[in-house]
Amino acid sequence: MKLQMMHFLTFRIHARNFIEPTIIHKWNQDQLNLIRELQEGGNVAVAGDMRADTPGHSAKFGSYTVMHMETNKILDLRLVQSNEVGGSYHMENEGLKRCLDKLESNGLAVDYIVTDRHPQIQKYLRDRNITQFYDVWHFEKGLSKNLDKLSKMKDCEVLKKWLHSIKNHVYWSAISSESGPEKVAKWNSLQNHIQNVHVHDNHLFPVCEHPDKVSRDPKKWFQPGSVALHKVEKLLYNKRVLKDIEKLSHNFQTSSLEAFHSLILRFAPKNVIFPFIGMLCRLYLAAMHYNENANREQATTTEGQAVLLIHKVFEDPKPYAEEQHAIPIPPTLSSQYEKPSKEEVIAQRVPRPRGGRNPTYCPAGSGN
């Protein structure tokens, strides 16, 4: 087509000298202004979650995000490379640590944080003496999988009629309560409710709040002493579940963070490999875009069409290069291995057999 295209090396030169320093400076400037605004309101409620750059458990990068829940804005975002912390399993804990250190160093104290139930995160926040609540969706998702599996057993078919109601009860127990014991009391009421008993031996929640009416399907109730009831009670009322119910967040959730993670895909798709600074800048761009539109109605033209673009230009980003150079870049994952010579690689190469067949396999009757 004889199109004049910019060479990739030319793009990298422009990115390194102009684009990346500008993005880093703008993010640092916006973040500092946001933190200063929040300092006036005292301790803050935040949510935190990690996003891996690839699916699965062997990701190269992990980005941990902390969001201020009342303003729905990204407070801090940290990129961790797996070889910095001894493996991808430890990236989430390290990312949270760096975010909290950043907030504390700028005089912003965390009142409580809403996260998933990652074991390392639980221990770290407990040692740091920071109140933690669990996101309801993450808890309900895991519980619903176990319930769905149980409902497929022959003696637990009655459970299928209750799957949706139990899911709703998880959310209601958390959101309608003001304390951990109240959440547990409301959750325990389900044990009686599924047996058609609606008065409970707990002063925090003595009676079901639903209207008193006769069911159209009397077979939907669990029978006392049945195998199905025993298995459901064992799943719903073990010590771990009750402990997690008590810590479910009754106010904010991490759904906005999940929306932000979806937005990152438009700036840094998971099927594309980026260098450390390249990935970091794309995360910063996504965060600035999200914060810019966090609590803002969609702008429209006089014809009612959406307006999507805002321009901000830095004519000379060279003074901001020092901020970029101050970011510690971990060594590449391949740096821990010794690079073989070209001759060694060629000598070790095993050619693929013609026709894609296994060279050691001889079909019967071939005479080989």
Protein backbone atom coordinates (compact mmCIF):
# COMPACT_ATOMS: atom_id res chain seq x y z
CA MET A 1 0.00 0.00 0.00
CA LYS A 2 3.14 2.21 0.16
CA LEU A 3 2.13 3.72 3.52
CA GLN A 4 4.73 5.72 5.41
CA MET A 5 4.90 4.11 8.87
CA MET A 6 6.90 4.97 11.98
CA HIS A 7 9.52 2.32 12.77
CA PHE A 8 9.15 0.59 16.15
CA LEU A 9 12.54 1.88 17.35
CA THR A 10 11.46 5.42 16.49
CA PHE A 11 8.31 4.97 18.54
CA ARG A 12 10.34 3.68 21.50
CA ILE A 13 12.64 6.72 21.32
CA HIS A 14 9.66 9.09 21.37
CA ALA A 15 8.01 7.10 24.17
CA ARG A 16 11.16 7.01 26.32
CA ASN A 17 12.03 10.70 25.87
CA PHE A 18 8.61 12.35 25.72
CA ILE A 19 5.53 10.21 26.41
CA GLU A 20 6.61 8.20 29.46
CA PRO A 21 8.15 11.10 31.45
CA THR A 22 4.99 13.14 30.84
CA ILE A 23 2.66 10.37 32.01
CA ILE A 24 4.68 9.69 35.17
CA HIS A 25 4.87 13.38 36.08
CA LYS A 26 1.15 13.93 35.48
CA TRP A 27 0.21 10.90 37.61
CA ASN A 28 2.48 11.98 40.48
CA GLN A 29 1.02 15.49 40.33
CA ASP A 30 -2.61 14.30 40.30
CA GLN A 31 -2.01 11.74 43.04
CA LEU A 32 -0.42 14.30 45.36
CA ASN A 33 -3.33 16.72 44.83
CA LEU A 34 -5.88 13.98 45.59
CA ILE A 35 -4.08 12.93 48.78
CA ARG A 36 -3.93 16.54 49.98
CA GLU A 37 -7.69 16.89 49.47
CA LEU A 38 -8.39 13.74 51.48
CA GLN A 39 -6.08 14.68 54.36
CA GLU A 40 -8.63 17.22 55.53
CA GLY A 41 -11.25 14.52 56.12
CA GLY A 42 -9.19 12.32 58.46
CA ASN A 43 -8.87 8.54 58.11
CA VAL A 44 -10.09 7.02 54.85
CA ALA A 45 -11.97 3.88 53.84
CA VAL A 46 -10.34 2.13 50.89
CA ALA A 47 -10.61 -1.04 48.81
CA GLY A 48 -7.67 -3.01 47.45
CA ASP A 49 -7.19 -5.72 44.83
CA MET A 50 -4.51 -7.09 42.51
CA ARG A 51 -4.62 -7.63 38.77
CA ALA A 52 -2.24 -10.03 37.01
CA ASP A 53 -0.95 -9.14 33.54
CA THR A 54 -1.73 -12.67 32.26
CA PRO A 55 -4.32 -15.30 33.20
CA GLY A 56 -3.31 -18.01 35.66
CA HIS A 57 -0.78 -18.16 38.47
CA SER A 58 2.49 -17.57 36.57
CA ALA A 59 2.11 -13.88 35.75
CA LYS A 60 5.14 -11.67 35.18
CA PHE A 61 3.52 -8.48 36.51
CA GLY A 62 1.01 -7.86 39.25
CA SER A 63 -0.54 -4.43 39.72
CA TYR A 64 -2.10 -3.65 43.10
CA THR A 65 -4.67 -0.86 43.24
CA VAL A 66 -6.04 1.01 46.25
CA MET A 67 -9.26 2.96 45.67
CA HIS A 68 -10.85 5.59 47.92
CA MET A 69 -14.39 4.34 48.30
CA GLU A 70 -16.26 7.60 49.01
CA THR A 71 -14.89 9.45 45.98
CA ASN A 72 -14.51 6.33 43.78
CA LYS A 73 -10.98 7.40 42.78
CA ILE A 74 -7.71 5.51 42.48
CA LEU A 75 -5.44 6.55 45.35
CA ASP A 76 -2.37 4.51 44.50
CA LEU A 77 -1.27 1.87 42.05
CA ARG A 78 1.87 -0.28 42.37
CA LEU A 79 3.42 -2.55 39.73
CA VAL A 80 5.33 -5.57 41.07
CA GLN A 81 7.42 -7.96 38.97
CA SER A 82 7.40 -11.59 40.08
CA ASN A 83 11.19 -11.94 40.44
CA GLU A 84 11.22 -9.04 42.92
CA VAL A 85 9.35 -11.08 45.53
CA GLY A 86 10.28 -14.68 44.80
CA GLY A 87 7.24 -15.63 42.72
CA SER A 88 3.86 -14.45 41.53
CA TYR A 89 2.10 -15.73 44.68
CA HIS A 90 3.76 -12.98 46.76
CA MET A 91 3.05 -10.06 44.41
CA GLU A 92 -0.33 -9.18 45.93
CA ASN A 93 1.04 -8.84 49.45
CA GLU A 94 3.99 -6.73 48.29
CA GLY A 95 1.77 -4.48 46.17
CA LEU A 96 -0.54 -3.77 49.11
CA LYS A 97 2.45 -3.04 51.36
CA ARG A 98 3.84 -0.49 48.92
CA CYS A 99 0.46 1.20 48.53
CA LEU A 100 -0.09 1.53 52.29
CA ASP A 101 3.47 2.77 52.78
CA LYS A 102 2.85 5.44 50.13
CA LEU A 103 -0.33 6.64 51.83
CA GLU A 104 1.24 6.66 55.30
CA SER A 105 4.33 8.54 54.10
CA ASN A 106 1.98 11.26 52.83
CA GLY A 107 0.08 11.51 56.11
CA LEU A 108 -3.04 9.64 55.02
CA ALA A 109 -4.19 7.00 57.54
CA VAL A 110 -6.44 4.08 56.56
CA ASP A 111 -9.54 3.54 58.69
CA TYR A 112 -10.36 0.17 57.11
CA ILE A 113 -9.80 -1.68 53.84
CA VAL A 114 -12.09 -3.98 51.82
CA THR A 115 -10.30 -6.85 50.06
CA ASP A 116 -10.75 -10.46 49.01
CA ARG A 117 -9.81 -13.28 51.40
CA HIS A 118 -6.20 -13.82 50.31
CA PRO A 119 -4.44 -15.55 53.28
CA GLN A 120 -1.28 -13.44 53.06
CA ILE A 121 -3.31 -10.24 52.99
CA GLN A 122 -5.24 -11.28 56.10
CA LYS A 123 -2.08 -11.92 58.08
CA TYR A 124 -0.32 -8.79 56.84
CA LEU A 125 -3.21 -6.46 57.74
CA ARG A 126 -3.61 -8.13 61.11
CA ASP A 127 0.09 -7.57 61.87
CA ARG A 128 -0.21 -3.98 60.68
CA ASN A 129 -3.27 -3.45 62.90
CA ILE A 130 -5.53 -2.32 60.04
CA THR A 131 -9.21 -3.29 60.08
CA GLN A 132 -10.13 -5.53 57.16
CA PHE A 133 -13.50 -6.38 55.65
CA TYR A 134 -14.18 -8.93 52.93
CA ASP A 135 -15.84 -8.19 49.63
CA VAL A 136 -19.25 -9.89 49.58
CA TRP A 137 -19.07 -10.89 45.90
CA HIS A 138 -15.81 -12.81 46.32
CA PHE A 139 -17.19 -14.67 49.34
CA GLU A 140 -20.53 -15.45 47.71
CA LYS A 141 -18.87 -16.64 44.51
CA GLY A 142 -16.84 -19.30 46.32
CA LEU A 143 -19.76 -20.38 48.50
CA SER A 144 -22.15 -20.64 45.53
CA LYS A 145 -19.74 -22.95 43.69
CA ASN A 146 -19.74 -25.36 46.62
CA LEU A 147 -23.52 -25.18 46.96
CA ASP A 148 -24.04 -25.80 43.26
CA LYS A 149 -21.80 -28.86 43.45
CA LEU A 150 -23.68 -30.15 46.50
CA SER A 151 -27.09 -29.65 44.86
CA LYS A 152 -26.15 -32.12 42.11
CA MET A 153 -25.91 -34.99 44.59
CA LYS A 154 -28.81 -37.42 44.58
CA ASP A 155 -29.89 -36.84 48.18
CA CYS A 156 -29.55 -33.02 48.01
CA GLU A 157 -31.79 -32.15 45.08
CA VAL A 158 -34.01 -29.98 47.31
CA LEU A 159 -31.08 -27.56 47.57
CA LYS A 160 -31.55 -26.50 43.93
CA LYS A 161 -34.71 -24.60 44.94
CA TRP A 162 -32.70 -22.57 47.46
CA LEU A 163 -29.54 -21.62 45.55
CA HIS A 164 -30.75 -18.17 44.49
CA SER A 165 -32.27 -17.42 47.90
CA ILE A 166 -29.08 -18.37 49.75
CA LYS A 167 -27.08 -16.10 47.46
CA ASN A 168 -29.42 -13.20 48.25
CA HIS A 169 -29.24 -14.01 51.96
CA VAL A 170 -25.44 -13.57 51.91
CA TYR A 171 -25.77 -10.02 50.61
CA TRP A 172 -28.70 -9.16 52.87
CA SER A 173 -26.95 -10.45 56.01
CA ALA A 174 -23.95 -8.22 55.28
CA ILE A 175 -25.57 -5.04 53.99
CA SER A 176 -28.46 -4.84 56.48
CA SER A 177 -26.22 -5.25 59.56
CA GLU A 178 -24.09 -2.82 61.52
CA SER A 179 -21.89 -5.27 63.46
CA GLY A 180 -20.23 -8.64 63.02
CA PRO A 181 -22.44 -10.48 65.55
CA GLU A 182 -25.57 -9.15 63.85
CA LYS A 183 -24.34 -10.47 60.49
CA VAL A 184 -23.78 -13.90 62.01
CA ALA A 185 -27.20 -13.87 63.73
CA LYS A 186 -28.99 -13.10 60.46
CA TRP A 187 -26.93 -15.68 58.62
CA ASN A 188 -27.75 -18.35 61.22
CA SER A 189 -31.48 -17.64 60.81
CA LEU A 190 -31.29 -19.34 57.42
CA GLN A 191 -30.72 -22.65 59.20
CA ASN A 192 -34.23 -22.43 60.69
CA HIS A 193 -35.83 -20.71 57.71
CA ILE A 194 -35.11 -23.55 55.25
CA GLN A 195 -36.97 -25.88 57.68
CA ASN A 196 -40.02 -23.57 57.71
CA VAL A 197 -39.16 -22.27 61.21
CA HIS A 198 -39.12 -18.45 61.40
CA VAL A 199 -38.57 -17.73 65.10
CA HIS A 200 -34.96 -17.84 66.27
CA ASP A 201 -33.20 -18.17 69.61
CA ASN A 202 -31.05 -15.04 69.19
CA HIS A 203 -31.94 -11.58 70.55
CA LEU A 204 -30.03 -9.87 67.71
CA PHE A 205 -32.43 -11.36 65.17
CA PRO A 206 -35.32 -13.14 66.89
CA VAL A 207 -37.88 -13.31 64.01
CA CYS A 208 -37.70 -13.42 60.20
CA GLU A 209 -38.73 -10.12 58.58
CA HIS A 210 -40.62 -11.63 55.63
CA PRO A 211 -44.45 -11.81 55.58
CA ASP A 212 -45.98 -14.85 57.25
CA LYS A 213 -47.55 -16.84 54.43
CA VAL A 214 -48.06 -20.46 53.48
CA SER A 215 -45.75 -21.85 50.79
CA ARG A 216 -47.28 -23.06 47.54
CA ASP A 217 -44.68 -25.84 47.40
CA PRO A 218 -44.45 -27.67 50.75
CA LYS A 219 -41.78 -30.00 49.30
CA LYS A 220 -39.25 -27.17 49.11
CA TRP A 221 -38.56 -27.25 52.87
CA PHE A 222 -35.68 -29.23 54.31
CA GLN A 223 -36.80 -32.03 56.63
CA PRO A 224 -35.28 -32.13 60.16
CA GLY A 225 -32.70 -34.90 60.50
CA SER A 226 -32.42 -35.43 56.73
CA VAL A 227 -29.14 -36.11 54.92
CA ALA A 228 -29.62 -33.00 52.79
CA LEU A 229 -30.01 -30.75 55.83
CA HIS A 230 -26.95 -32.25 57.50
CA LYS A 231 -24.75 -31.65 54.44
CA VAL A 232 -26.03 -28.10 53.93
CA GLU A 233 -25.48 -27.20 57.59
CA LYS A 234 -21.97 -28.64 57.44
CA LEU A 235 -21.18 -26.41 54.45
CA LEU A 236 -22.87 -23.20 55.57
CA TYR A 237 -22.13 -23.20 59.28
CA ASN A 238 -18.55 -24.39 59.72
CA LYS A 239 -16.16 -22.22 61.72
CA ARG A 240 -14.44 -20.70 58.68
CA VAL A 241 -17.69 -19.60 57.02
CA LEU A 242 -19.02 -18.04 60.23
CA LYS A 243 -15.72 -16.23 60.75
CA ASP A 244 -15.83 -14.86 57.19
CA ILE A 245 -19.50 -13.82 57.50
CA GLU A 246 -18.62 -11.70 60.52
CA LYS A 247 -16.03 -9.79 58.47
CA LEU A 248 -18.14 -9.16 55.34
CA SER A 249 -18.23 -5.51 54.34
CA HIS A 250 -21.54 -3.88 55.24
CA ASN A 251 -20.83 -0.68 53.36
CA PHE A 252 -18.42 -0.56 50.42
CA GLN A 253 -17.47 -3.38 48.02
CA THR A 254 -14.71 -3.88 45.42
CA SER A 255 -17.03 -3.82 42.39
CA SER A 256 -15.65 -0.44 41.30
CA LEU A 257 -12.14 -1.89 41.39
CA GLU A 258 -13.26 -4.75 39.17
CA ALA A 259 -14.62 -2.15 36.73
CA PHE A 260 -11.25 -0.38 36.77
CA HIS A 261 -9.45 -3.67 36.03
CA SER A 262 -11.70 -4.10 32.99
CA LEU A 263 -10.76 -0.59 31.87
CA ILE A 264 -7.04 -1.46 32.06
CA LEU A 265 -7.55 -3.97 29.25
CA ARG A 266 -8.12 -1.07 26.86
CA PHE A 267 -4.72 0.38 27.73
CA ALA A 268 -2.74 -2.83 28.40
CA PRO A 269 -4.28 -5.97 26.82
CA LYS A 270 -3.24 -9.24 28.43
CA ASN A 271 -2.16 -10.74 25.11
CA VAL A 272 0.55 -8.09 24.59
CA ILE A 273 3.91 -8.09 26.37
CA PHE A 274 5.13 -4.71 27.69
CA PRO A 275 8.39 -3.65 29.39
CA PHE A 276 8.20 -2.56 33.03
CA ILE A 277 7.98 1.21 32.42
CA GLY A 278 5.68 0.66 29.44
CA MET A 279 3.26 -1.35 31.58
CA LEU A 280 3.49 1.14 34.47
CA CYS A 281 2.67 4.09 32.21
CA ARG A 282 -0.31 2.29 30.73
CA LEU A 283 -1.60 1.61 34.25
CA TYR A 284 -1.15 5.28 35.14
CA LEU A 285 -3.03 6.32 32.00
CA ALA A 286 -5.89 3.99 32.89
CA ALA A 287 -5.99 5.37 36.46
CA MET A 288 -6.00 9.00 35.30
CA HIS A 289 -8.74 8.23 32.78
CA TYR A 290 -10.80 6.49 35.48
CA ASN A 291 -10.33 9.29 38.03
CA GLU A 292 -11.17 11.94 35.46
CA ASN A 293 -14.55 10.30 34.88
CA ALA A 294 -15.18 8.68 38.29
CA ASN A 295 -18.17 10.76 39.35
CA ARG A 296 -19.02 12.54 36.19
CA GLU A 297 -22.06 12.29 33.97
CA GLN A 298 -21.53 11.50 30.31
CA ALA A 299 -21.07 14.72 28.33
CA THR A 300 -23.21 15.03 25.19
CA THR A 301 -23.43 17.31 22.18
CA THR A 302 -26.50 19.39 21.34
CA GLU A 303 -27.67 16.43 19.23
CA GLY A 304 -27.40 14.12 22.26
CA GLN A 305 -24.29 12.25 21.10
CA ALA A 306 -21.56 11.28 23.59
CA VAL A 307 -18.42 13.43 23.86
CA LEU A 308 -15.41 11.22 24.62
CA LEU A 309 -12.16 13.13 24.30
CA ILE A 310 -10.25 15.69 26.41
CA HIS A 311 -6.83 17.05 25.41
CA LYS A 312 -3.99 17.93 27.77
CA VAL A 313 -0.58 18.74 26.29
CA PHE A 314 2.89 19.07 27.81
CA GLU A 315 5.10 20.81 25.25
CA ASP A 316 8.44 19.87 26.84
CA PRO A 317 8.44 16.82 29.15
CA LYS A 318 12.27 16.68 29.48
CA PRO A 319 12.26 18.26 32.99
CA TYR A 320 10.16 15.32 34.19
CA ALA A 321 12.72 12.70 33.13
CA GLU A 322 14.19 12.63 36.65
CA GLU A 323 10.89 11.30 38.03
CA GLN A 324 10.98 8.50 35.49
CA HIS A 325 14.61 7.61 36.22
CA ALA A 326 13.86 7.47 39.96
CA ILE A 327 11.55 4.47 39.43
CA PRO A 328 13.46 1.26 40.31
CA ILE A 329 13.18 -1.22 37.43
CA PRO A 330 13.68 -4.87 38.41
CA PRO A 331 15.92 -7.02 36.18
CA THR A 332 14.18 -9.04 33.47
CA LEU A 333 13.05 -12.58 34.26
CA SER A 334 15.58 -13.97 31.77
CA SER A 335 18.51 -12.26 33.56
CA GLN A 336 18.70 -15.08 36.11
CA TYR A 337 19.71 -17.51 33.36
CA GLU A 338 23.01 -17.64 31.46
CA LYS A 339 22.57 -16.93 27.77
CA PRO A 340 23.79 -19.90 25.66
CA SER A 341 25.84 -19.46 22.55
CA LYS A 342 24.23 -19.70 19.15
CA GLU A 343 26.22 -22.84 18.35
CA GLU A 344 24.92 -24.62 21.48
CA VAL A 345 21.33 -23.80 20.65
CA ILE A 346 21.71 -25.10 17.08
CA ALA A 347 23.38 -28.29 18.30
CA GLN A 348 20.54 -28.99 20.75
CA ARG A 349 17.80 -28.39 18.21
CA VAL A 350 15.65 -31.44 17.51
CA PRO A 351 13.97 -31.26 14.09
CA ARG A 352 10.29 -32.04 13.83
CA PRO A 353 9.63 -35.30 11.91
CA ARG A 354 7.98 -34.97 8.52
CA GLY A 355 4.24 -35.39 8.54
CA GLY A 356 4.10 -34.65 12.26
CA ARG A 357 4.56 -38.34 13.16
CA ASN A 358 6.42 -39.73 16.14
CA PRO A 359 9.78 -40.99 14.68
CA THR A 360 9.76 -43.96 17.08
CA TYR A 361 6.30 -45.15 15.99
CA CYS A 362 6.07 -47.68 13.19
CA PRO A 363 2.61 -48.56 11.87
CA ALA A 364 1.79 -52.26 11.76
CA GLY A 365 2.55 -53.82 8.40
CA SER A 366 4.88 -51.02 7.34
CA GLY A 367 7.87 -53.36 7.21
CA ASN A 368 9.97 -51.04 9.40
